[in-house]
Amino acid sequence: MDSIDFEQLQKRRKRIDSLVCPQCGEKTLKKIVYGMPDDNFNFQKNFVGGCIPSEEDIGCKNCEWVGFRANFERENF
């Protein structure tokens, strides 16, 4: 049986809306969604990434900064 890393279980990801943008300092980071948004797309909850997907997974609604959530969270712990 594999051992359980209890320290890792206690570390929960911060809510994306609680993270501060490294460029403008606002709490306006959102998940990037690529492709054409339809009529039901939630613009308040998501950041439109355009038609060509890239590796970035979070973006700032205020200044349009884009980056990687995993790297961003590592820097803030």
PDB file of N, CA and C in Angstrom:
ATOM      1  N   MET A   1       0.843  -1.182   0.000  1.00  0.00           N
ATOM      2  CA  MET A   1       0.000   0.000   0.000  1.00  0.00           C
ATOM      3  C   MET A   1       0.888   1.245   0.000  1.00  0.00           C
ATOM      4  N   ASP A   2       0.559   2.230  -0.819  1.00  0.00           N
ATOM      5  CA  ASP A   2       1.315   3.478  -0.900  1.00  0.00           C
ATOM      6  C   ASP A   2       1.065   4.327   0.328  1.00  0.00           C
ATOM      7  N   SER A   3       2.097   5.070   0.750  1.00  0.00           N
ATOM      8  CA  SER A   3       1.919   5.967   1.889  1.00  0.00           C
ATOM      9  C   SER A   3       1.221   7.251   1.440  1.00  0.00           C
ATOM     10  N   ILE A   4       0.529   7.869   2.367  1.00  0.00           N
ATOM     11  CA  ILE A   4      -0.207   9.096   2.077  1.00  0.00           C
ATOM     12  C   ILE A   4       0.601  10.279   2.580  1.00  0.00           C
ATOM     13  N   ASP A   5       0.793  11.266   1.731  1.00  0.00           N
ATOM     14  CA  ASP A   5       1.501  12.488   2.103  1.00  0.00           C
ATOM     15  C   ASP A   5       0.474  13.473   2.666  1.00  0.00           C
ATOM     16  N   PHE A   6       0.327  13.484   4.008  1.00  0.00           N
ATOM     17  CA  PHE A   6      -0.694  14.309   4.633  1.00  0.00           C
ATOM     18  C   PHE A   6      -0.408  15.799   4.474  1.00  0.00           C
ATOM     19  N   GLU A   7       0.865  16.174   4.419  1.00  0.00           N
ATOM     20  CA  GLU A   7       1.203  17.580   4.214  1.00  0.00           C
ATOM     21  C   GLU A   7       0.699  18.054   2.853  1.00  0.00           C
ATOM     22  N   GLN A   8       0.846  17.225   1.843  1.00  0.00           N
ATOM     23  CA  GLN A   8       0.370  17.575   0.502  1.00  0.00           C
ATOM     24  C   GLN A   8      -1.156  17.658   0.473  1.00  0.00           C
ATOM     25  N   LEU A   9      -1.844  16.791   1.218  1.00  0.00           N
ATOM     26  CA  LEU A   9      -3.299  16.830   1.256  1.00  0.00           C
ATOM     27  C   LEU A   9      -3.805  18.127   1.886  1.00  0.00           C
ATOM     28  N   GLN A  10      -3.067  18.669   2.845  1.00  0.00           N
ATOM     29  CA  GLN A  10      -3.492  19.883   3.532  1.00  0.00           C
ATOM     30  C   GLN A  10      -3.289  21.127   2.680  1.00  0.00           C
ATOM     31  N   LYS A  11      -2.384  21.087   1.729  1.00  0.00           N
ATOM     32  CA  LYS A  11      -2.150  22.233   0.857  1.00  0.00           C
ATOM     33  C   LYS A  11      -3.198  22.237  -0.237  1.00  0.00           C
ATOM     34  N   ARG A  12      -4.128  23.146  -0.116  1.00  0.00           N
ATOM     35  CA  ARG A  12      -5.158  23.275  -1.131  1.00  0.00           C
ATOM     36  C   ARG A  12      -4.798  24.425  -2.047  1.00  0.00           C
ATOM     37  N   ARG A  13      -5.204  24.322  -3.278  1.00  0.00           N
ATOM     38  CA  ARG A  13      -4.971  25.417  -4.220  1.00  0.00           C
ATOM     39  C   ARG A  13      -5.795  26.611  -3.787  1.00  0.00           C
ATOM     40  N   LYS A  14      -5.199  27.784  -3.903  1.00  0.00           N
ATOM     41  CA  LYS A  14      -5.948  29.005  -3.622  1.00  0.00           C
ATOM     42  C   LYS A  14      -6.954  29.229  -4.740  1.00  0.00           C
ATOM     43  N   ARG A  15      -8.064  29.842  -4.377  1.00  0.00           N
ATOM     44  CA  ARG A  15      -9.055  30.201  -5.399  1.00  0.00           C
ATOM     45  C   ARG A  15      -8.406  31.187  -6.359  1.00  0.00           C
ATOM     46  N   ILE A  16      -8.664  31.016  -7.629  1.00  0.00           N
ATOM     47  CA  ILE A  16      -8.018  31.860  -8.630  1.00  0.00           C
ATOM     48  C   ILE A  16      -8.393  33.330  -8.438  1.00  0.00           C
ATOM     49  N   ASP A  17      -9.603  33.593  -7.961  1.00  0.00           N
ATOM     50  CA  ASP A  17     -10.004  34.988  -7.777  1.00  0.00           C
ATOM     51  C   ASP A  17      -9.396  35.626  -6.533  1.00  0.00           C
ATOM     52  N   SER A  18      -8.634  34.855  -5.758  1.00  0.00           N
ATOM     53  CA  SER A  18      -7.936  35.428  -4.604  1.00  0.00           C
ATOM     54  C   SER A  18      -6.471  35.735  -4.924  1.00  0.00           C
ATOM     55  N   LEU A  19      -6.006  35.324  -6.102  1.00  0.00           N
ATOM     56  CA  LEU A  19      -4.623  35.574  -6.504  1.00  0.00           C
ATOM     57  C   LEU A  19      -4.474  36.970  -7.095  1.00  0.00           C
ATOM     58  N   VAL A  20      -3.330  37.589  -6.843  1.00  0.00           N
ATOM     59  CA  VAL A  20      -3.065  38.952  -7.308  1.00  0.00           C
ATOM     60  C   VAL A  20      -2.214  38.913  -8.575  1.00  0.00           C
ATOM     61  N   CYS A  21      -2.600  39.683  -9.564  1.00  0.00           N
ATOM     62  CA  CYS A  21      -1.856  39.760 -10.817  1.00  0.00           C
ATOM     63  C   CYS A  21      -0.461  40.325 -10.551  1.00  0.00           C
ATOM     64  N   PRO A  22       0.594  39.660 -11.042  1.00  0.00           N
ATOM     65  CA  PRO A  22       1.957  40.147 -10.810  1.00  0.00           C
ATOM     66  C   PRO A  22       2.282  41.424 -11.582  1.00  0.00           C
ATOM     67  N   GLN A  23       1.485  41.754 -12.592  1.00  0.00           N
ATOM     68  CA  GLN A  23       1.761  42.942 -13.405  1.00  0.00           C
ATOM     69  C   GLN A  23       1.040  44.185 -12.883  1.00  0.00           C
ATOM     70  N   CYS A  24      -0.262  44.075 -12.591  1.00  0.00           N
ATOM     71  CA  CYS A  24      -1.022  45.269 -12.199  1.00  0.00           C
ATOM     72  C   CYS A  24      -1.427  45.292 -10.729  1.00  0.00           C
ATOM     73  N   GLY A  25      -1.302  44.140 -10.037  1.00  0.00           N
ATOM     74  CA  GLY A  25      -1.627  44.093  -8.618  1.00  0.00           C
ATOM     75  C   GLY A  25      -3.097  43.924  -8.291  1.00  0.00           C
ATOM     76  N   GLU A  26      -3.937  43.734  -9.285  1.00  0.00           N
ATOM     77  CA  GLU A  26      -5.374  43.565  -9.062  1.00  0.00           C
ATOM     78  C   GLU A  26      -5.721  42.083  -8.892  1.00  0.00           C
ATOM     79  N   LYS A  27      -6.828  41.808  -8.216  1.00  0.00           N
ATOM     80  CA  LYS A  27      -7.317  40.432  -8.059  1.00  0.00           C
ATOM     81  C   LYS A  27      -8.311  40.131  -9.182  1.00  0.00           C
ATOM     82  N   THR A  28      -7.812  40.140 -10.401  1.00  0.00           N
ATOM     83  CA  THR A  28      -8.677  39.932 -11.565  1.00  0.00           C
ATOM     84  C   THR A  28      -8.192  38.772 -12.433  1.00  0.00           C
ATOM     85  N   LEU A  29      -7.489  37.800 -11.848  1.00  0.00           N
ATOM     86  CA  LEU A  29      -7.019  36.649 -12.613  1.00  0.00           C
ATOM     87  C   LEU A  29      -8.167  35.676 -12.854  1.00  0.00           C
ATOM     88  N   LYS A  30      -8.219  35.156 -14.057  1.00  0.00           N
ATOM     89  CA  LYS A  30      -9.270  34.223 -14.458  1.00  0.00           C
ATOM     90  C   LYS A  30      -8.661  33.091 -15.267  1.00  0.00           C
ATOM     91  N   LYS A  31      -9.380  31.974 -15.356  1.00  0.00           N
ATOM     92  CA  LYS A  31      -8.978  30.837 -16.183  1.00  0.00           C
ATOM     93  C   LYS A  31      -9.094  31.236 -17.652  1.00  0.00           C
ATOM     94  N   ILE A  32      -8.085  30.896 -18.450  1.00  0.00           N
ATOM     95  CA  ILE A  32      -8.130  31.184 -19.889  1.00  0.00           C
ATOM     96  C   ILE A  32      -8.897  30.070 -20.597  1.00  0.00           C
ATOM     97  N   VAL A  33      -9.845  30.472 -21.430  1.00  0.00           N
ATOM     98  CA  VAL A  33     -10.607  29.536 -22.256  1.00  0.00           C
ATOM     99  C   VAL A  33     -10.343  29.915 -23.704  1.00  0.00           C
ATOM    100  N   TYR A  34      -9.881  28.948 -24.489  1.00  0.00           N
ATOM    101  CA  TYR A  34      -9.554  29.184 -25.890  1.00  0.00           C
ATOM    102  C   TYR A  34     -10.702  28.759 -26.791  1.00  0.00           C
ATOM    103  N   GLY A  35     -10.834  29.417 -27.934  1.00  0.00           N
ATOM    104  CA  GLY A  35     -11.877  29.099 -28.903  1.00  0.00           C
ATOM    105  C   GLY A  35     -12.913  30.204 -28.985  1.00  0.00           C
ATOM    106  N   MET A  36     -13.909  30.003 -29.816  1.00  0.00           N
ATOM    107  CA  MET A  36     -14.963  30.991 -30.020  1.00  0.00           C
ATOM    108  C   MET A  36     -16.018  30.854 -28.917  1.00  0.00           C
ATOM    109  N   PRO A  37     -16.231  31.905 -28.127  1.00  0.00           N
ATOM    110  CA  PRO A  37     -17.254  31.820 -27.075  1.00  0.00           C
ATOM    111  C   PRO A  37     -18.661  31.769 -27.674  1.00  0.00           C
ATOM    112  N   ASP A  38     -19.528  30.958 -27.067  1.00  0.00           N
ATOM    113  CA  ASP A  38     -20.909  30.897 -27.544  1.00  0.00           C
ATOM    114  C   ASP A  38     -21.779  31.856 -26.734  1.00  0.00           C
ATOM    115  N   ASP A  39     -23.075  31.798 -26.939  1.00  0.00           N
ATOM    116  CA  ASP A  39     -24.005  32.709 -26.263  1.00  0.00           C
ATOM    117  C   ASP A  39     -24.036  32.512 -24.752  1.00  0.00           C
ATOM    118  N   ASN A  40     -23.699  31.322 -24.272  1.00  0.00           N
ATOM    119  CA  ASN A  40     -23.751  31.018 -22.848  1.00  0.00           C
ATOM    120  C   ASN A  40     -22.412  31.211 -22.143  1.00  0.00           C
ATOM    121  N   PHE A  41     -21.414  31.742 -22.828  1.00  0.00           N
ATOM    122  CA  PHE A  41     -20.080  31.913 -22.255  1.00  0.00           C
ATOM    123  C   PHE A  41     -20.118  32.922 -21.107  1.00  0.00           C
ATOM    124  N   ASN A  42     -19.476  32.579 -19.991  1.00  0.00           N
ATOM    125  CA  ASN A  42     -19.449  33.449 -18.818  1.00  0.00           C
ATOM    126  C   ASN A  42     -18.191  34.322 -18.868  1.00  0.00           C
ATOM    127  N   PHE A  43     -18.329  35.533 -19.376  1.00  0.00           N
ATOM    128  CA  PHE A  43     -17.197  36.443 -19.498  1.00  0.00           C
ATOM    129  C   PHE A  43     -16.697  36.934 -18.148  1.00  0.00           C
ATOM    130  N   GLN A  44     -17.539  36.926 -17.130  1.00  0.00           N
ATOM    131  CA  GLN A  44     -17.126  37.358 -15.795  1.00  0.00           C
ATOM    132  C   GLN A  44     -16.194  36.331 -15.137  1.00  0.00           C
ATOM    133  N   LYS A  45     -16.413  35.065 -15.425  1.00  0.00           N
ATOM    134  CA  LYS A  45     -15.670  33.976 -14.783  1.00  0.00           C
ATOM    135  C   LYS A  45     -14.422  33.551 -15.557  1.00  0.00           C
ATOM    136  N   ASN A  46     -14.367  33.842 -16.853  1.00  0.00           N
ATOM    137  CA  ASN A  46     -13.286  33.344 -17.707  1.00  0.00           C
ATOM    138  C   ASN A  46     -12.609  34.461 -18.484  1.00  0.00           C
ATOM    139  N   PHE A  47     -11.389  34.182 -18.921  1.00  0.00           N
ATOM    140  CA  PHE A  47     -10.580  35.079 -19.746  1.00  0.00           C
ATOM    141  C   PHE A  47     -10.545  34.474 -21.145  1.00  0.00           C
ATOM    142  N   VAL A  48     -10.941  35.220 -22.157  1.00  0.00           N
ATOM    143  CA  VAL A  48     -10.954  34.708 -23.531  1.00  0.00           C
ATOM    144  C   VAL A  48      -9.533  34.710 -24.064  1.00  0.00           C
ATOM    145  N   GLY A  49      -9.039  33.523 -24.461  1.00  0.00           N
ATOM    146  CA  GLY A  49      -7.671  33.380 -24.918  1.00  0.00           C
ATOM    147  C   GLY A  49      -7.489  33.452 -26.422  1.00  0.00           C
ATOM    148  N   GLY A  50      -8.563  33.545 -27.167  1.00  0.00           N
ATOM    149  CA  GLY A  50      -8.458  33.595 -28.619  1.00  0.00           C
ATOM    150  C   GLY A  50      -8.651  32.232 -29.248  1.00  0.00           C
ATOM    151  N   CYS A  51      -8.479  32.187 -30.552  1.00  0.00           N
ATOM    152  CA  CYS A  51      -8.737  30.959 -31.309  1.00  0.00           C
ATOM    153  C   CYS A  51      -7.556  29.993 -31.332  1.00  0.00           C
ATOM    154  N   ILE A  52      -6.353  30.491 -31.112  1.00  0.00           N
ATOM    155  CA  ILE A  52      -5.163  29.638 -31.169  1.00  0.00           C
ATOM    156  C   ILE A  52      -4.700  29.333 -29.748  1.00  0.00           C
ATOM    157  N   PRO A  53      -4.871  28.099 -29.280  1.00  0.00           N
ATOM    158  CA  PRO A  53      -4.479  27.745 -27.916  1.00  0.00           C
ATOM    159  C   PRO A  53      -2.974  27.889 -27.692  1.00  0.00           C
ATOM    160  N   SER A  54      -2.625  28.311 -26.497  1.00  0.00           N
ATOM    161  CA  SER A  54      -1.226  28.329 -26.084  1.00  0.00           C
ATOM    162  C   SER A  54      -1.144  27.681 -24.711  1.00  0.00           C
ATOM    163  N   GLU A  55       0.023  27.637 -24.139  1.00  0.00           N
ATOM    164  CA  GLU A  55       0.215  26.920 -22.890  1.00  0.00           C
ATOM    165  C   GLU A  55      -0.256  27.694 -21.660  1.00  0.00           C
ATOM    166  N   GLU A  56      -0.362  29.026 -21.740  1.00  0.00           N
ATOM    167  CA  GLU A  56      -0.785  29.806 -20.583  1.00  0.00           C
ATOM    168  C   GLU A  56      -2.187  29.391 -20.154  1.00  0.00           C
ATOM    169  N   ASP A  57      -2.428  29.357 -18.823  1.00  0.00           N
ATOM    170  CA  ASP A  57      -3.737  28.914 -18.347  1.00  0.00           C
ATOM    171  C   ASP A  57      -4.468  29.929 -17.474  1.00  0.00           C
ATOM    172  N   ILE A  58      -3.823  31.064 -17.124  1.00  0.00           N
ATOM    173  CA  ILE A  58      -4.519  32.126 -16.406  1.00  0.00           C
ATOM    174  C   ILE A  58      -4.208  33.467 -17.048  1.00  0.00           C
ATOM    175  N   GLY A  59      -5.153  34.386 -16.935  1.00  0.00           N
ATOM    176  CA  GLY A  59      -4.971  35.713 -17.494  1.00  0.00           C
ATOM    177  C   GLY A  59      -5.649  36.761 -16.629  1.00  0.00           C
ATOM    178  N   CYS A  60      -5.189  37.991 -16.730  1.00  0.00           N
ATOM    179  CA  CYS A  60      -5.731  39.104 -15.957  1.00  0.00           C
ATOM    180  C   CYS A  60      -6.738  39.878 -16.799  1.00  0.00           C
ATOM    181  N   LYS A  61      -7.936  40.036 -16.277  1.00  0.00           N
ATOM    182  CA  LYS A  61      -8.985  40.779 -16.981  1.00  0.00           C
ATOM    183  C   LYS A  61      -8.679  42.273 -17.009  1.00  0.00           C
ATOM    184  N   ASN A  62      -7.843  42.752 -16.098  1.00  0.00           N
ATOM    185  CA  ASN A  62      -7.549  44.180 -15.999  1.00  0.00           C
ATOM    186  C   ASN A  62      -6.465  44.616 -16.986  1.00  0.00           C
ATOM    187  N   CYS A  63      -5.319  43.904 -16.999  1.00  0.00           N
ATOM    188  CA  CYS A  63      -4.177  44.344 -17.816  1.00  0.00           C
ATOM    189  C   CYS A  63      -3.809  43.376 -18.934  1.00  0.00           C
ATOM    190  N   GLU A  64      -4.523  42.240 -19.029  1.00  0.00           N
ATOM    191  CA  GLU A  64      -4.311  41.217 -20.051  1.00  0.00           C
ATOM    192  C   GLU A  64      -3.003  40.452 -19.919  1.00  0.00           C
ATOM    193  N   TRP A  65      -2.389  40.462 -18.718  1.00  0.00           N
ATOM    194  CA  TRP A  65      -1.233  39.616 -18.441  1.00  0.00           C
ATOM    195  C   TRP A  65      -1.688  38.165 -18.535  1.00  0.00           C
ATOM    196  N   VAL A  66      -0.837  37.271 -19.084  1.00  0.00           N
ATOM    197  CA  VAL A  66      -1.131  35.836 -19.125  1.00  0.00           C
ATOM    198  C   VAL A  66       0.053  35.067 -18.568  1.00  0.00           C
ATOM    199  N   GLY A  67      -0.226  33.925 -17.947  1.00  0.00           N
ATOM    200  CA  GLY A  67       0.843  33.132 -17.369  1.00  0.00           C
ATOM    201  C   GLY A  67       0.366  31.753 -16.969  1.00  0.00           C
ATOM    202  N   PHE A  68       1.165  31.118 -16.137  1.00  0.00           N
ATOM    203  CA  PHE A  68       0.920  29.750 -15.699  1.00  0.00           C
ATOM    204  C   PHE A  68       0.538  29.745 -14.227  1.00  0.00           C
ATOM    205  N   ARG A  69      -0.597  29.188 -13.914  1.00  0.00           N
ATOM    206  CA  ARG A  69      -1.061  29.159 -12.529  1.00  0.00           C
ATOM    207  C   ARG A  69      -0.093  28.416 -11.622  1.00  0.00           C
ATOM    208  N   ALA A  70       0.425  27.296 -12.056  1.00  0.00           N
ATOM    209  CA  ALA A  70       1.331  26.499 -11.221  1.00  0.00           C
ATOM    210  C   ALA A  70       2.578  27.304 -10.842  1.00  0.00           C
ATOM    211  N   ASN A  71       3.191  27.980 -11.790  1.00  0.00           N
ATOM    212  CA  ASN A  71       4.370  28.797 -11.504  1.00  0.00           C
ATOM    213  C   ASN A  71       4.011  29.971 -10.612  1.00  0.00           C
ATOM    214  N   PHE A  72       2.887  30.596 -10.886  1.00  0.00           N
ATOM    215  CA  PHE A  72       2.443  31.754 -10.122  1.00  0.00           C
ATOM    216  C   PHE A  72       2.200  31.372  -8.670  1.00  0.00           C
ATOM    217  N   GLU A  73       1.551  30.243  -8.430  1.00  0.00           N
ATOM    218  CA  GLU A  73       1.257  29.824  -7.060  1.00  0.00           C
ATOM    219  C   GLU A  73       2.544  29.425  -6.324  1.00  0.00           C
ATOM    220  N   ARG A  74       3.498  28.806  -7.001  1.00  0.00           N
ATOM    221  CA  ARG A  74       4.765  28.443  -6.364  1.00  0.00           C
ATOM    222  C   ARG A  74       5.507  29.680  -5.864  1.00  0.00           C
ATOM    223  N   GLU A  75       5.432  30.771  -6.641  1.00  0.00           N
ATOM    224  CA  GLU A  75       6.115  32.009  -6.268  1.00  0.00           C
ATOM    225  C   GLU A  75       5.466  32.653  -5.058  1.00  0.00           C
ATOM    226  N   ASN A  76       4.170  32.411  -4.829  1.00  0.00           N
ATOM    227  CA  ASN A  76       3.443  33.080  -3.763  1.00  0.00           C
ATOM    228  C   ASN A  76       3.333  32.279  -2.476  1.00  0.00           C
ATOM    229  N   PHE A  77       3.970  31.094  -2.398  1.00  0.00           N
ATOM    230  CA  PHE A  77       3.914  30.304  -1.158  1.00  0.00           C
ATOM    231  C   PHE A  77       5.095  30.613  -0.294  1.00  0.00           C
TER     232      PHE A  77
END
